[in-house]
Amino acid sequence: MKKPIIIFLIFLILIPVNLFSEPLKDYEPYEEGEFPLWTYNIRRAETIFFGSLVITLPLSILLHSVARSAGIIPPQTSAMNDFLTQAAIAGTLSLGVSIADWALGLKQ
């Protein structure tokens, strides 16, 4: 009984929000010098870091599992420690890719 009443009250609060909001203004495109150059560089590094993380995370999980199966790495006490180790390896590899892209961009 309480759940329908709570849902009804939420709708009563959220529906009038659209009635009191301001209309959208016309779109103004970004100007040429609106953002400094370093913000573009940080955005590029962020995109490359998270984009390469998609590749490096499964790769680090695979290589860590193979190394653990081969006896190169001793087994961890819990699965969470294994995953944190694999995520740290993937993050380091992605950071290396991002820094390599930045260094190559300096040469151009």
Protein backbone atom coordinates (compact mmCIF):
# COMPACT_ATOMS: atom_id res chain seq x y z
CA MET A 1 0.00 0.00 0.00
CA LYS A 2 2.84 2.39 0.79
CA LYS A 3 4.65 1.78 -2.50
CA PRO A 4 1.83 3.12 -4.76
CA ILE A 5 1.45 6.16 -2.52
CA ILE A 6 5.17 6.90 -2.63
CA ILE A 7 5.24 6.52 -6.42
CA PHE A 8 2.23 8.82 -6.71
CA LEU A 9 3.93 11.45 -4.53
CA ILE A 10 7.11 11.26 -6.61
CA PHE A 11 5.08 11.85 -9.77
CA LEU A 12 3.34 14.79 -8.13
CA ILE A 13 6.74 16.32 -7.39
CA LEU A 14 8.41 15.56 -10.73
CA ILE A 15 5.65 16.38 -13.20
CA PRO A 16 5.40 20.13 -12.37
CA VAL A 17 9.17 20.53 -12.76
CA ASN A 18 8.71 20.82 -16.53
CA LEU A 19 6.06 23.49 -16.11
CA PHE A 20 8.39 25.85 -14.23
CA SER A 21 11.54 25.31 -16.29
CA GLU A 22 12.91 27.92 -18.67
CA PRO A 23 12.62 27.38 -22.42
CA LEU A 24 15.78 26.45 -24.32
CA LYS A 25 17.74 29.29 -25.79
CA ASP A 26 19.10 29.20 -29.30
CA TYR A 27 22.22 27.09 -29.79
CA GLU A 28 25.47 29.04 -29.92
CA PRO A 29 28.40 27.12 -31.40
CA TYR A 30 31.79 27.22 -29.69
CA GLU A 31 34.12 29.99 -30.73
CA GLU A 32 37.66 29.45 -31.99
CA GLY A 33 39.55 30.39 -28.82
CA GLU A 34 36.91 29.55 -26.22
CA PHE A 35 38.90 26.70 -24.70
CA PRO A 36 42.67 26.74 -24.13
CA LEU A 37 44.88 24.21 -25.93
CA TRP A 38 45.76 22.24 -22.80
CA THR A 39 42.11 21.27 -22.31
CA TYR A 40 42.10 19.62 -25.73
CA ASN A 41 45.27 17.72 -24.81
CA ILE A 42 43.77 16.50 -21.53
CA ARG A 43 40.58 15.44 -23.29
CA ARG A 44 42.60 13.54 -25.90
CA ALA A 45 44.65 11.81 -23.19
CA GLU A 46 41.48 10.87 -21.31
CA THR A 47 39.87 9.44 -24.42
CA ILE A 48 42.96 7.42 -25.31
CA PHE A 49 43.36 6.18 -21.70
CA PHE A 50 39.80 4.90 -21.37
CA GLY A 51 39.71 3.68 -24.97
CA SER A 52 42.83 1.59 -24.50
CA LEU A 53 41.55 0.32 -21.15
CA VAL A 54 38.96 -1.67 -23.08
CA ILE A 55 41.82 -3.60 -24.69
CA THR A 56 44.34 -3.68 -21.84
CA LEU A 57 41.97 -4.95 -19.14
CA PRO A 58 41.08 -8.27 -20.84
CA LEU A 59 44.69 -8.60 -21.97
CA SER A 60 46.02 -8.12 -18.43
CA ILE A 61 43.43 -10.55 -17.03
CA LEU A 62 44.50 -13.16 -19.59
CA LEU A 63 48.23 -12.67 -19.05
CA HIS A 64 47.87 -12.62 -15.26
CA SER A 65 45.87 -15.87 -15.35
CA VAL A 66 48.44 -17.52 -17.61
CA ALA A 67 51.30 -16.38 -15.37
CA ARG A 68 49.48 -17.64 -12.28
CA SER A 69 48.73 -21.00 -13.95
CA ALA A 70 52.38 -21.34 -14.98
CA GLY A 71 53.50 -20.70 -11.41
CA ILE A 72 55.29 -17.43 -12.19
CA ILE A 73 52.96 -15.46 -9.89
CA PRO A 74 51.87 -16.98 -6.56
CA PRO A 75 48.09 -17.20 -6.08
CA GLN A 76 46.46 -14.34 -4.16
CA THR A 77 44.45 -14.81 -0.98
CA SER A 78 41.19 -13.68 -2.59
CA ALA A 79 39.63 -13.11 -5.99
CA MET A 80 39.32 -9.39 -5.22
CA ASN A 81 43.09 -9.07 -4.80
CA ASP A 82 43.56 -10.83 -8.13
CA PHE A 83 41.19 -8.43 -9.85
CA LEU A 84 42.79 -5.37 -8.24
CA THR A 85 46.19 -6.55 -9.42
CA GLN A 86 44.87 -7.10 -12.94
CA ALA A 87 43.16 -3.68 -12.94
CA ALA A 88 46.39 -2.01 -11.77
CA ILE A 89 48.32 -3.68 -14.59
CA ALA A 90 45.68 -2.60 -17.12
CA GLY A 91 45.67 0.97 -15.78
CA THR A 92 49.45 1.16 -16.00
CA LEU A 93 49.43 -0.12 -19.57
CA SER A 94 46.70 2.36 -20.55
CA LEU A 95 48.60 5.19 -18.90
CA GLY A 96 51.68 4.14 -20.87
CA VAL A 97 49.69 4.24 -24.12
CA SER A 98 48.35 7.69 -23.26
CA ILE A 99 51.81 9.04 -22.38
CA ALA A 100 53.28 7.52 -25.56
CA ASP A 101 50.61 9.31 -27.61
CA TRP A 102 51.40 12.58 -25.83
CA ALA A 103 55.14 12.13 -26.44
CA LEU A 104 54.58 11.36 -30.11
CA GLY A 105 52.34 14.42 -30.36
CA LEU A 106 55.18 16.64 -29.09
CA LYS A 107 57.38 15.58 -32.01
CA GLN A 108 54.83 16.74 -34.59
